[in-house]
Amino acid sequence: SYAHISDTKYISSLAEKIGPVDLLFHETTYLEEHKSMAA
Protein backbone atom coordinates (compact mmCIF):
# COMPACT_ATOMS: atom_id res chain seq x y z
CA SER A 1 0.00 0.00 0.00
CA TYR A 2 1.05 3.57 -0.74
CA ALA A 3 -0.44 6.91 0.30
CA HIS A 4 0.28 10.16 -1.50
CA ILE A 5 -0.50 13.26 0.53
CA SER A 6 0.30 16.39 -1.42
CA ASP A 7 -0.28 20.05 -0.53
CA THR A 8 -2.15 20.33 2.75
CA LYS A 9 -2.19 21.90 6.18
CA TYR A 10 -1.49 19.50 9.03
CA ILE A 11 -4.64 17.50 9.77
CA SER A 12 -4.55 15.50 13.00
CA SER A 13 -7.40 13.22 11.86
CA LEU A 14 -5.75 12.43 8.52
CA ALA A 15 -3.70 9.53 9.91
CA GLU A 16 -6.81 7.53 10.73
CA LYS A 17 -8.19 8.05 7.23
CA ILE A 18 -4.94 6.90 5.62
CA GLY A 19 -4.40 3.88 7.85
CA PRO A 20 -1.28 1.68 7.95
CA VAL A 21 0.62 1.83 4.65
CA ASP A 22 3.98 0.52 3.50
CA LEU A 23 5.03 3.93 2.21
CA LEU A 24 3.61 7.38 2.89
CA PHE A 25 4.53 10.43 0.84
CA HIS A 26 3.54 13.50 2.81
CA GLU A 27 4.50 16.98 1.71
CA THR A 28 7.18 18.69 3.82
CA THR A 29 7.21 22.21 2.45
CA TYR A 30 8.53 23.86 5.60
CA LEU A 31 10.64 23.13 8.64
CA GLU A 32 9.17 23.61 12.09
CA GLU A 33 10.96 26.94 12.56
CA HIS A 34 8.67 28.35 9.85
CA LYS A 35 5.52 26.67 11.13
CA SER A 36 3.72 30.02 11.26
CA MET A 37 4.04 30.24 7.46
CA ALA A 38 2.89 26.70 6.75
CA ALA A 39 -0.78 26.69 7.76
PDB file of all heavy atoms in Angstrom:
ATOM      1  N   SER A   1       0.834  -1.197   0.000  1.00  0.00           N
ATOM      2  CA  SER A   1       0.000   0.000   0.000  1.00  0.00           C
ATOM      3  C   SER A   1       0.872   1.251   0.000  1.00  0.00           C
ATOM      4  O   SER A   1       1.983   1.261   0.530  1.00  0.00           O
ATOM      5  CB  SER A   1      -0.926   0.015   1.230  1.00  0.00           C
ATOM      6  OG  SER A   1      -0.173  -0.140   2.426  1.00  0.00           O
ATOM      7  N   TYR A   2       0.335   2.297  -0.611  1.00  0.00           N
ATOM      8  CA  TYR A   2       1.054   3.571  -0.736  1.00  0.00           C
ATOM      9  C   TYR A   2       0.062   4.718  -0.616  1.00  0.00           C
ATOM     10  O   TYR A   2      -1.010   4.693  -1.235  1.00  0.00           O
ATOM     11  CB  TYR A   2       1.762   3.650  -2.095  1.00  0.00           C
ATOM     12  CG  TYR A   2       2.312   5.024  -2.433  1.00  0.00           C
ATOM     13  CD1 TYR A   2       3.372   5.564  -1.717  1.00  0.00           C
ATOM     14  CD2 TYR A   2       1.763   5.782  -3.467  1.00  0.00           C
ATOM     15  CE1 TYR A   2       3.885   6.824  -2.024  1.00  0.00           C
ATOM     16  CE2 TYR A   2       2.267   7.036  -3.779  1.00  0.00           C
ATOM     17  CZ  TYR A   2       3.328   7.552  -3.050  1.00  0.00           C
ATOM     18  OH  TYR A   2       3.815   8.802  -3.350  1.00  0.00           O
ATOM     19  N   ALA A   3       0.403   5.712   0.172  1.00  0.00           N
ATOM     20  CA  ALA A   3      -0.443   6.910   0.301  1.00  0.00           C
ATOM     21  C   ALA A   3       0.328   8.121  -0.177  1.00  0.00           C
ATOM     22  O   ALA A   3       1.502   8.294   0.163  1.00  0.00           O
ATOM     23  CB  ALA A   3      -0.884   7.093   1.741  1.00  0.00           C
ATOM     24  N   HIS A   4      -0.342   8.959  -0.955  1.00  0.00           N
ATOM     25  CA  HIS A   4       0.282  10.161  -1.503  1.00  0.00           C
ATOM     26  C   HIS A   4      -0.488  11.366  -0.990  1.00  0.00           C
ATOM     27  O   HIS A   4      -1.625  11.634  -1.411  1.00  0.00           O
ATOM     28  CB  HIS A   4       0.234  10.128  -3.037  1.00  0.00           C
ATOM     29  CG  HIS A   4       1.025  11.230  -3.669  1.00  0.00           C
ATOM     30  ND1 HIS A   4       2.314  11.059  -4.113  1.00  0.00           N
ATOM     31  CD2 HIS A   4       0.707  12.523  -3.943  1.00  0.00           C
ATOM     32  CE1 HIS A   4       2.764  12.186  -4.625  1.00  0.00           C
ATOM     33  NE2 HIS A   4       1.800  13.098  -4.530  1.00  0.00           N
ATOM     34  N   ILE A   5       0.133  12.089  -0.065  1.00  0.00           N
ATOM     35  CA  ILE A   5      -0.505  13.263   0.534  1.00  0.00           C
ATOM     36  C   ILE A   5       0.252  14.497   0.083  1.00  0.00           C
ATOM     37  O   ILE A   5       1.334  14.815   0.576  1.00  0.00           O
ATOM     38  CB  ILE A   5      -0.505  13.154   2.070  1.00  0.00           C
ATOM     39  CG1 ILE A   5      -1.167  11.851   2.520  1.00  0.00           C
ATOM     40  CG2 ILE A   5      -1.204  14.369   2.671  1.00  0.00           C
ATOM     41  CD1 ILE A   5      -2.596  11.681   2.048  1.00  0.00           C
ATOM     42  N   SER A   6      -0.340  15.204  -0.862  1.00  0.00           N
ATOM     43  CA  SER A   6       0.298  16.389  -1.420  1.00  0.00           C
ATOM     44  C   SER A   6      -0.089  17.612  -0.605  1.00  0.00           C
ATOM     45  O   SER A   6      -0.376  17.511   0.585  1.00  0.00           O
ATOM     46  CB  SER A   6      -0.090  16.535  -2.885  1.00  0.00           C
ATOM     47  OG  SER A   6       0.623  17.560  -3.512  1.00  0.00           O
ATOM     48  N   ASP A   7      -0.136  18.773  -1.221  1.00  0.00           N
ATOM     49  CA  ASP A   7      -0.276  20.052  -0.531  1.00  0.00           C
ATOM     50  C   ASP A   7      -1.444  20.067   0.463  1.00  0.00           C
ATOM     51  O   ASP A   7      -2.607  19.935   0.070  1.00  0.00           O
ATOM     52  CB  ASP A   7      -0.489  21.167  -1.548  1.00  0.00           C
ATOM     53  CG  ASP A   7       0.646  21.250  -2.561  1.00  0.00           C
ATOM     54  OD1 ASP A   7       1.334  20.228  -2.757  1.00  0.00           O
ATOM     55  OD2 ASP A   7       0.844  22.325  -3.146  1.00  0.00           O
ATOM     56  N   THR A   8      -1.117  20.280   1.727  1.00  0.00           N
ATOM     57  CA  THR A   8      -2.153  20.334   2.754  1.00  0.00           C
ATOM     58  C   THR A   8      -1.610  20.906   4.049  1.00  0.00           C
ATOM     59  O   THR A   8      -0.425  20.775   4.359  1.00  0.00           O
ATOM     60  CB  THR A   8      -2.734  18.936   3.046  1.00  0.00           C
ATOM     61  OG1 THR A   8      -3.820  19.060   3.985  1.00  0.00           O
ATOM     62  CG2 THR A   8      -1.683  18.003   3.630  1.00  0.00           C
ATOM     63  N   LYS A   9      -2.489  21.561   4.793  1.00  0.00           N
ATOM     64  CA  LYS A   9      -2.186  21.896   6.179  1.00  0.00           C
ATOM     65  C   LYS A   9      -2.105  20.588   6.968  1.00  0.00           C
ATOM     66  O   LYS A   9      -2.618  19.554   6.552  1.00  0.00           O
ATOM     67  CB  LYS A   9      -3.289  22.764   6.789  1.00  0.00           C
ATOM     68  CG  LYS A   9      -3.483  24.124   6.167  1.00  0.00           C
ATOM     69  CD  LYS A   9      -4.630  24.844   6.881  1.00  0.00           C
ATOM     70  CE  LYS A   9      -4.947  26.179   6.244  1.00  0.00           C
ATOM     71  NZ  LYS A   9      -6.085  26.849   6.934  1.00  0.00           N
ATOM     72  N   TYR A  10      -1.496  20.664   8.142  1.00  0.00           N
ATOM     73  CA  TYR A  10      -1.491  19.504   9.029  1.00  0.00           C
ATOM     74  C   TYR A  10      -2.911  19.210   9.491  1.00  0.00           C
ATOM     75  O   TYR A  10      -3.640  20.107   9.924  1.00  0.00           O
ATOM     76  CB  TYR A  10      -0.597  19.761  10.246  1.00  0.00           C
ATOM     77  CG  TYR A  10      -0.731  18.707  11.316  1.00  0.00           C
ATOM     78  CD1 TYR A  10      -0.314  17.400  11.077  1.00  0.00           C
ATOM     79  CD2 TYR A  10      -1.299  19.017  12.552  1.00  0.00           C
ATOM     80  CE1 TYR A  10      -0.449  16.419  12.060  1.00  0.00           C
ATOM     81  CE2 TYR A  10      -1.429  18.049  13.538  1.00  0.00           C
ATOM     82  CZ  TYR A  10      -1.006  16.757  13.293  1.00  0.00           C
ATOM     83  OH  TYR A  10      -1.141  15.780  14.250  1.00  0.00           O
ATOM     84  N   ILE A  11      -3.316  17.943   9.348  1.00  0.00           N
ATOM     85  CA  ILE A  11      -4.642  17.500   9.768  1.00  0.00           C
ATOM     86  C   ILE A  11      -4.450  16.336  10.732  1.00  0.00           C
ATOM     87  O   ILE A  11      -4.002  15.261  10.336  1.00  0.00           O
ATOM     88  CB  ILE A  11      -5.505  17.042   8.571  1.00  0.00           C
ATOM     89  CG1 ILE A  11      -5.561  18.122   7.485  1.00  0.00           C
ATOM     90  CG2 ILE A  11      -6.900  16.655   9.025  1.00  0.00           C
ATOM     91  CD1 ILE A  11      -6.239  17.665   6.200  1.00  0.00           C
ATOM     92  N   SER A  12      -4.786  16.534  12.001  1.00  0.00           N
ATOM     93  CA  SER A  12      -4.548  15.496  13.002  1.00  0.00           C
ATOM     94  C   SER A  12      -5.358  14.235  12.731  1.00  0.00           C
ATOM     95  O   SER A  12      -4.927  13.129  13.052  1.00  0.00           O
ATOM     96  CB  SER A  12      -4.866  16.026  14.401  1.00  0.00           C
ATOM     97  OG  SER A  12      -6.222  16.441  14.479  1.00  0.00           O
ATOM     98  N   SER A  13      -6.537  14.375  12.119  1.00  0.00           N
ATOM     99  CA  SER A  13      -7.404  13.221  11.860  1.00  0.00           C
ATOM    100  C   SER A  13      -7.055  12.494  10.561  1.00  0.00           C
ATOM    101  O   SER A  13      -7.666  11.471  10.244  1.00  0.00           O
ATOM    102  CB  SER A  13      -8.866  13.676  11.798  1.00  0.00           C
ATOM    103  OG  SER A  13      -9.054  14.622  10.745  1.00  0.00           O
ATOM    104  N   LEU A  14      -6.080  13.026   9.813  1.00  0.00           N
ATOM    105  CA  LEU A  14      -5.747  12.432   8.519  1.00  0.00           C
ATOM    106  C   LEU A  14      -5.160  11.037   8.670  1.00  0.00           C
ATOM    107  O   LEU A  14      -5.423  10.154   7.848  1.00  0.00           O
ATOM    108  CB  LEU A  14      -4.763  13.340   7.778  1.00  0.00           C
ATOM    109  CG  LEU A  14      -4.343  12.916   6.370  1.00  0.00           C
ATOM    110  CD1 LEU A  14      -5.560  12.816   5.453  1.00  0.00           C
ATOM    111  CD2 LEU A  14      -3.330  13.914   5.800  1.00  0.00           C
ATOM    112  N   ALA A  15      -4.373  10.822   9.711  1.00  0.00           N
ATOM    113  CA  ALA A  15      -3.701   9.526   9.905  1.00  0.00           C
ATOM    114  C   ALA A  15      -4.698   8.379   9.936  1.00  0.00           C
ATOM    115  O   ALA A  15      -4.481   7.328   9.322  1.00  0.00           O
ATOM    116  CB  ALA A  15      -2.885   9.559  11.192  1.00  0.00           C
ATOM    117  N   GLU A  16      -5.799   8.583  10.624  1.00  0.00           N
ATOM    118  CA  GLU A  16      -6.812   7.533  10.733  1.00  0.00           C
ATOM    119  C   GLU A  16      -7.435   7.232   9.374  1.00  0.00           C
ATOM    120  O   GLU A  16      -7.767   6.081   9.078  1.00  0.00           O
ATOM    121  CB  GLU A  16      -7.893   7.967  11.727  1.00  0.00           C
ATOM    122  CG  GLU A  16      -8.982   6.925  11.958  1.00  0.00           C
ATOM    123  CD  GLU A  16     -10.017   7.384  12.968  1.00  0.00           C
ATOM    124  OE1 GLU A  16      -9.796   8.430  13.611  1.00  0.00           O
ATOM    125  OE2 GLU A  16     -11.050   6.709  13.100  1.00  0.00           O
ATOM    126  N   LYS A  17      -7.590   8.249   8.547  1.00  0.00           N
ATOM    127  CA  LYS A  17      -8.190   8.049   7.226  1.00  0.00           C
ATOM    128  C   LYS A  17      -7.231   7.332   6.282  1.00  0.00           C
ATOM    129  O   LYS A  17      -7.657   6.598   5.394  1.00  0.00           O
ATOM    130  CB  LYS A  17      -8.605   9.398   6.634  1.00  0.00           C
ATOM    131  CG  LYS A  17      -9.669  10.112   7.447  1.00  0.00           C
ATOM    132  CD  LYS A  17      -9.969  11.494   6.894  1.00  0.00           C
ATOM    133  CE  LYS A  17     -11.002  12.207   7.758  1.00  0.00           C
ATOM    134  NZ  LYS A  17     -11.288  13.577   7.248  1.00  0.00           N
ATOM    135  N   ILE A  18      -5.941   7.582   6.461  1.00  0.00           N
ATOM    136  CA  ILE A  18      -4.942   6.900   5.619  1.00  0.00           C
ATOM    137  C   ILE A  18      -4.807   5.455   6.032  1.00  0.00           C
ATOM    138  O   ILE A  18      -4.869   4.534   5.220  1.00  0.00           O
ATOM    139  CB  ILE A  18      -3.574   7.607   5.735  1.00  0.00           C
ATOM    140  CG1 ILE A  18      -3.655   9.028   5.191  1.00  0.00           C
ATOM    141  CG2 ILE A  18      -2.493   6.812   4.992  1.00  0.00           C
ATOM    142  CD1 ILE A  18      -2.415   9.849   5.493  1.00  0.00           C
ATOM    143  N   GLY A  19      -4.606   5.227   7.329  1.00  0.00           N
ATOM    144  CA  GLY A  19      -4.402   3.882   7.847  1.00  0.00           C
ATOM    145  C   GLY A  19      -2.981   3.399   7.613  1.00  0.00           C
ATOM    146  O   GLY A  19      -2.171   4.090   6.981  1.00  0.00           O
ATOM    147  N   PRO A  20      -2.639   2.222   8.115  1.00  0.00           N
ATOM    148  CA  PRO A  20      -1.280   1.683   7.950  1.00  0.00           C
ATOM    149  C   PRO A  20      -0.950   1.473   6.471  1.00  0.00           C
ATOM    150  O   PRO A  20      -1.724   0.859   5.738  1.00  0.00           O
ATOM    151  CB  PRO A  20      -1.349   0.336   8.697  1.00  0.00           C
ATOM    152  CG  PRO A  20      -2.515   0.458   9.613  1.00  0.00           C
ATOM    153  CD  PRO A  20      -3.502   1.334   8.907  1.00  0.00           C
ATOM    154  N   VAL A  21       0.160   2.004   6.037  1.00  0.00           N
ATOM    155  CA  VAL A  21       0.618   1.831   4.655  1.00  0.00           C
ATOM    156  C   VAL A  21       2.105   1.503   4.667  1.00  0.00           C
ATOM    157  O   VAL A  21       2.824   1.825   5.612  1.00  0.00           O
ATOM    158  CB  VAL A  21       0.367   3.100   3.799  1.00  0.00           C
ATOM    159  CG1 VAL A  21      -1.118   3.299   3.529  1.00  0.00           C
ATOM    160  CG2 VAL A  21       0.960   4.335   4.467  1.00  0.00           C
ATOM    161  N   ASP A  22       2.555   0.856   3.604  1.00  0.00           N
ATOM    162  CA  ASP A  22       3.975   0.520   3.500  1.00  0.00           C
ATOM    163  C   ASP A  22       4.830   1.759   3.269  1.00  0.00           C
ATOM    164  O   ASP A  22       5.946   1.846   3.770  1.00  0.00           O
ATOM    165  CB  ASP A  22       4.194  -0.481   2.359  1.00  0.00           C
ATOM    166  CG  ASP A  22       3.596  -1.839   2.679  1.00  0.00           C
ATOM    167  OD1 ASP A  22       4.191  -2.564   3.500  1.00  0.00           O
ATOM    168  OD2 ASP A  22       2.538  -2.174   2.128  1.00  0.00           O
ATOM    169  N   LEU A  23       4.292   2.704   2.501  1.00  0.00           N
ATOM    170  CA  LEU A  23       5.030   3.932   2.210  1.00  0.00           C
ATOM    171  C   LEU A  23       4.063   5.101   2.179  1.00  0.00           C
ATOM    172  O   LEU A  23       3.008   5.028   1.540  1.00  0.00           O
ATOM    173  CB  LEU A  23       5.752   3.818   0.870  1.00  0.00           C
ATOM    174  CG  LEU A  23       6.563   5.047   0.428  1.00  0.00           C
ATOM    175  CD1 LEU A  23       7.738   5.295   1.377  1.00  0.00           C
ATOM    176  CD2 LEU A  23       7.076   4.863  -1.004  1.00  0.00           C
ATOM    177  N   LEU A  24       4.415   6.159   2.883  1.00  0.00           N
ATOM    178  CA  LEU A  24       3.613   7.383   2.892  1.00  0.00           C
ATOM    179  C   LEU A  24       4.444   8.530   2.353  1.00  0.00           C
ATOM    180  O   LEU A  24       5.508   8.846   2.895  1.00  0.00           O
ATOM    181  CB  LEU A  24       3.160   7.718   4.320  1.00  0.00           C
ATOM    182  CG  LEU A  24       2.595   9.137   4.546  1.00  0.00           C
ATOM    183  CD1 LEU A  24       1.298   9.335   3.764  1.00  0.00           C
ATOM    184  CD2 LEU A  24       2.380   9.401   6.038  1.00  0.00           C
ATOM    185  N   PHE A  25       3.979   9.134   1.254  1.00  0.00           N
ATOM    186  CA  PHE A  25       4.534  10.426   0.841  1.00  0.00           C
ATOM    187  C   PHE A  25       3.657  11.501   1.452  1.00  0.00           C
ATOM    188  O   PHE A  25       2.441  11.519   1.240  1.00  0.00           O
ATOM    189  CB  PHE A  25       4.543  10.593  -0.681  1.00  0.00           C
ATOM    190  CG  PHE A  25       4.843  12.017  -1.094  1.00  0.00           C
ATOM    191  CD1 PHE A  25       6.143  12.482  -1.126  1.00  0.00           C
ATOM    192  CD2 PHE A  25       3.811  12.904  -1.388  1.00  0.00           C
ATOM    193  CE1 PHE A  25       6.421  13.807  -1.453  1.00  0.00           C
ATOM    194  CE2 PHE A  25       4.073  14.219  -1.720  1.00  0.00           C
ATOM    195  CZ  PHE A  25       5.387  14.677  -1.759  1.00  0.00           C
ATOM    196  N   HIS A  26       4.274  12.360   2.231  1.00  0.00           N
ATOM    197  CA  HIS A  26       3.544  13.498   2.812  1.00  0.00           C
ATOM    198  C   HIS A  26       4.376  14.740   2.572  1.00  0.00           C
ATOM    199  O   HIS A  26       5.559  14.784   2.893  1.00  0.00           O
ATOM    200  CB  HIS A  26       3.331  13.291   4.309  1.00  0.00           C
ATOM    201  CG  HIS A  26       2.357  14.257   4.925  1.00  0.00           C
ATOM    202  ND1 HIS A  26       2.575  15.625   4.957  1.00  0.00           N
ATOM    203  CD2 HIS A  26       1.156  14.047   5.521  1.00  0.00           C
ATOM    204  CE1 HIS A  26       1.548  16.206   5.550  1.00  0.00           C
ATOM    205  NE2 HIS A  26       0.679  15.287   5.912  1.00  0.00           N
ATOM    206  N   GLU A  27       3.769  15.753   1.996  1.00  0.00           N
ATOM    207  CA  GLU A  27       4.504  16.978   1.705  1.00  0.00           C
ATOM    208  C   GLU A  27       5.197  17.525   2.955  1.00  0.00           C
ATOM    209  O   GLU A  27       4.657  17.468   4.061  1.00  0.00           O
ATOM    210  CB  GLU A  27       3.558  18.025   1.128  1.00  0.00           C
ATOM    211  CG  GLU A  27       2.551  18.594   2.120  1.00  0.00           C
ATOM    212  CD  GLU A  27       2.682  20.116   2.250  1.00  0.00           C
ATOM    213  OE1 GLU A  27       3.668  20.560   2.865  1.00  0.00           O
ATOM    214  OE2 GLU A  27       1.792  20.828   1.745  1.00  0.00           O
ATOM    215  N   THR A  28       6.406  18.057   2.746  1.00  0.00           N
ATOM    216  CA  THR A  28       7.183  18.685   3.824  1.00  0.00           C
ATOM    217  C   THR A  28       7.719  20.008   3.283  1.00  0.00           C
ATOM    218  O   THR A  28       8.913  20.168   3.046  1.00  0.00           O
ATOM    219  CB  THR A  28       8.345  17.778   4.270  1.00  0.00           C
ATOM    220  OG1 THR A  28       9.122  17.414   3.105  1.00  0.00           O
ATOM    221  CG2 THR A  28       7.843  16.513   4.918  1.00  0.00           C
ATOM    222  N   THR A  29       6.821  20.942   3.065  1.00  0.00           N
ATOM    223  CA  THR A  29       7.209  22.206   2.447  1.00  0.00           C
ATOM    224  C   THR A  29       8.099  23.041   3.359  1.00  0.00           C
ATOM    225  O   THR A  29       9.037  23.698   2.895  1.00  0.00           O
ATOM    226  CB  THR A  29       5.954  23.014   2.057  1.00  0.00           C
ATOM    227  OG1 THR A  29       5.129  22.217   1.200  1.00  0.00           O
ATOM    228  CG2 THR A  29       6.330  24.291   1.321  1.00  0.00           C
ATOM    229  N   TYR A  30       7.811  23.010   4.658  1.00  0.00           N
ATOM    230  CA  TYR A  30       8.530  23.862   5.604  1.00  0.00           C
ATOM    231  C   TYR A  30       9.153  23.050   6.730  1.00  0.00           C
ATOM    232  O   TYR A  30       8.745  21.915   7.007  1.00  0.00           O
ATOM    233  CB  TYR A  30       7.584  24.898   6.214  1.00  0.00           C
ATOM    234  CG  TYR A  30       7.084  25.930   5.234  1.00  0.00           C
ATOM    235  CD1 TYR A  30       5.831  25.803   4.637  1.00  0.00           C
ATOM    236  CD2 TYR A  30       7.860  27.038   4.912  1.00  0.00           C
ATOM    237  CE1 TYR A  30       5.359  26.755   3.733  1.00  0.00           C
ATOM    238  CE2 TYR A  30       7.400  27.997   4.010  1.00  0.00           C
ATOM    239  CZ  TYR A  30       6.149  27.844   3.427  1.00  0.00           C
ATOM    240  OH  TYR A  30       5.702  28.786   2.539  1.00  0.00           O
ATOM    241  N   LEU A  31      10.110  23.654   7.388  1.00  0.00           N
ATOM    242  CA  LEU A  31      10.638  23.134   8.638  1.00  0.00           C
ATOM    243  C   LEU A  31       9.852  23.764   9.791  1.00  0.00           C
ATOM    244  O   LEU A  31       9.168  24.776   9.617  1.00  0.00           O
ATOM    245  CB  LEU A  31      12.124  23.467   8.776  1.00  0.00           C
ATOM    246  CG  LEU A  31      13.056  22.780   7.765  1.00  0.00           C
ATOM    247  CD1 LEU A  31      14.472  23.338   7.896  1.00  0.00           C
ATOM    248  CD2 LEU A  31      13.054  21.261   7.971  1.00  0.00           C
ATOM    249  N   GLU A  32       9.961  23.171  10.943  1.00  0.00           N
ATOM    250  CA  GLU A  32       9.166  23.607  12.095  1.00  0.00           C
ATOM    251  C   GLU A  32       9.450  25.062  12.475  1.00  0.00           C
ATOM    252  O   GLU A  32       8.561  25.760  12.983  1.00  0.00           O
ATOM    253  CB  GLU A  32       9.450  22.684  13.279  1.00  0.00           C
ATOM    254  CG  GLU A  32       8.453  22.797  14.411  1.00  0.00           C
ATOM    255  CD  GLU A  32       7.054  22.286  14.077  1.00  0.00           C
ATOM    256  OE1 GLU A  32       6.892  21.641  13.018  1.00  0.00           O
ATOM    257  OE2 GLU A  32       6.133  22.547  14.874  1.00  0.00           O
ATOM    258  N   GLU A  33      10.636  25.548  12.208  1.00  0.00           N
ATOM    259  CA  GLU A  33      10.963  26.938  12.557  1.00  0.00           C
ATOM    260  C   GLU A  33      10.119  27.937  11.764  1.00  0.00           C
ATOM    261  O   GLU A  33       9.986  29.107  12.157  1.00  0.00           O
ATOM    262  CB  GLU A  33      12.447  27.210  12.318  1.00  0.00           C
ATOM    263  CG  GLU A  33      12.881  27.080  10.873  1.00  0.00           C
ATOM    264  CD  GLU A  33      14.367  27.359  10.683  1.00  0.00           C
ATOM    265  OE1 GLU A  33      14.784  28.503  10.944  1.00  0.00           O
ATOM    266  OE2 GLU A  33      15.083  26.433  10.279  1.00  0.00           O
ATOM    267  N   HIS A  34       9.542  27.488  10.647  1.00  0.00           N
ATOM    268  CA  HIS A  34       8.671  28.351   9.851  1.00  0.00           C
ATOM    269  C   HIS A  34       7.224  27.844   9.880  1.00  0.00           C
ATOM    270  O   HIS A  34       6.467  28.047   8.927  1.00  0.00           O
ATOM    271  CB  HIS A  34       9.179  28.419   8.404  1.00  0.00           C
ATOM    272  CG  HIS A  34      10.550  29.010   8.285  1.00  0.00           C
ATOM    273  ND1 HIS A  34      11.635  28.286   7.832  1.00  0.00           N
ATOM    274  CD2 HIS A  34      11.020  30.252   8.596  1.00  0.00           C
ATOM    275  CE1 HIS A  34      12.705  29.061   7.850  1.00  0.00           C
ATOM    276  NE2 HIS A  34      12.361  30.255   8.310  1.00  0.00           N
ATOM    277  N   LYS A  35       6.864  27.223  10.966  1.00  0.00           N
ATOM    278  CA  LYS A  35       5.521  26.668  11.127  1.00  0.00           C
ATOM    279  C   LYS A  35       4.443  27.725  10.942  1.00  0.00           C
ATOM    280  O   LYS A  35       3.365  27.450  10.402  1.00  0.00           O
ATOM    281  CB  LYS A  35       5.401  26.027  12.509  1.00  0.00           C
ATOM    282  CG  LYS A  35       4.052  25.405  12.816  1.00  0.00           C
ATOM    283  CD  LYS A  35       4.048  24.795  14.208  1.00  0.00           C
ATOM    284  CE  LYS A  35       2.686  24.220  14.564  1.00  0.00           C
ATOM    285  NZ  LYS A  35       2.702  23.628  15.943  1.00  0.00           N
ATOM    286  N   SER A  36       4.714  28.948  11.364  1.00  0.00           N
ATOM    287  CA  SER A  36       3.721  30.019  11.255  1.00  0.00           C
ATOM    288  C   SER A  36       3.390  30.357   9.808  1.00  0.00           C
ATOM    289  O   SER A  36       2.338  30.936   9.519  1.00  0.00           O
ATOM    290  CB  SER A  36       4.212  31.283  11.973  1.00  0.00           C
ATOM    291  OG  SER A  36       5.411  31.754  11.373  1.00  0.00           O
ATOM    292  N   MET A  37       4.269  29.984   8.885  1.00  0.00           N
ATOM    293  CA  MET A  37       4.043  30.235   7.465  1.00  0.00           C
ATOM    294  C   MET A  37       3.300  29.083   6.807  1.00  0.00           C
ATOM    295  O   MET A  37       2.651  29.264   5.772  1.00  0.00           O
ATOM    296  CB  MET A  37       5.372  30.451   6.750  1.00  0.00           C
ATOM    297  CG  MET A  37       6.188  31.619   7.255  1.00  0.00           C
ATOM    298  SD  MET A  37       7.830  31.691   6.495  1.00  0.00           S
ATOM    299  CE  MET A  37       7.381  31.874   4.762  1.00  0.00           C
ATOM    300  N   ALA A  38       3.411  27.905   7.390  1.00  0.00           N
ATOM    301  CA  ALA A  38       2.886  26.704   6.748  1.00  0.00           C
ATOM    302  C   ALA A  38       1.363  26.706   6.629  1.00  0.00           C
ATOM    303  O   ALA A  38       0.806  26.595   5.528  1.00  0.00           O
ATOM    304  CB  ALA A  38       3.363  25.467   7.507  1.00  0.00           C
ATOM    305  N   ALA A  39       0.678  26.807   7.764  1.00  0.00           N
ATOM    306  CA  ALA A  39      -0.782  26.694   7.755  1.00  0.00           C
ATOM    307  C   ALA A  39      -1.472  27.745   6.885  1.00  0.00           C
ATOM    308  O   ALA A  39      -2.356  27.407   6.091  1.00  0.00           O
ATOM    309  CB  ALA A  39      -1.311  26.746   9.191  1.00  0.00           C
TER     310      ALA A  39
END
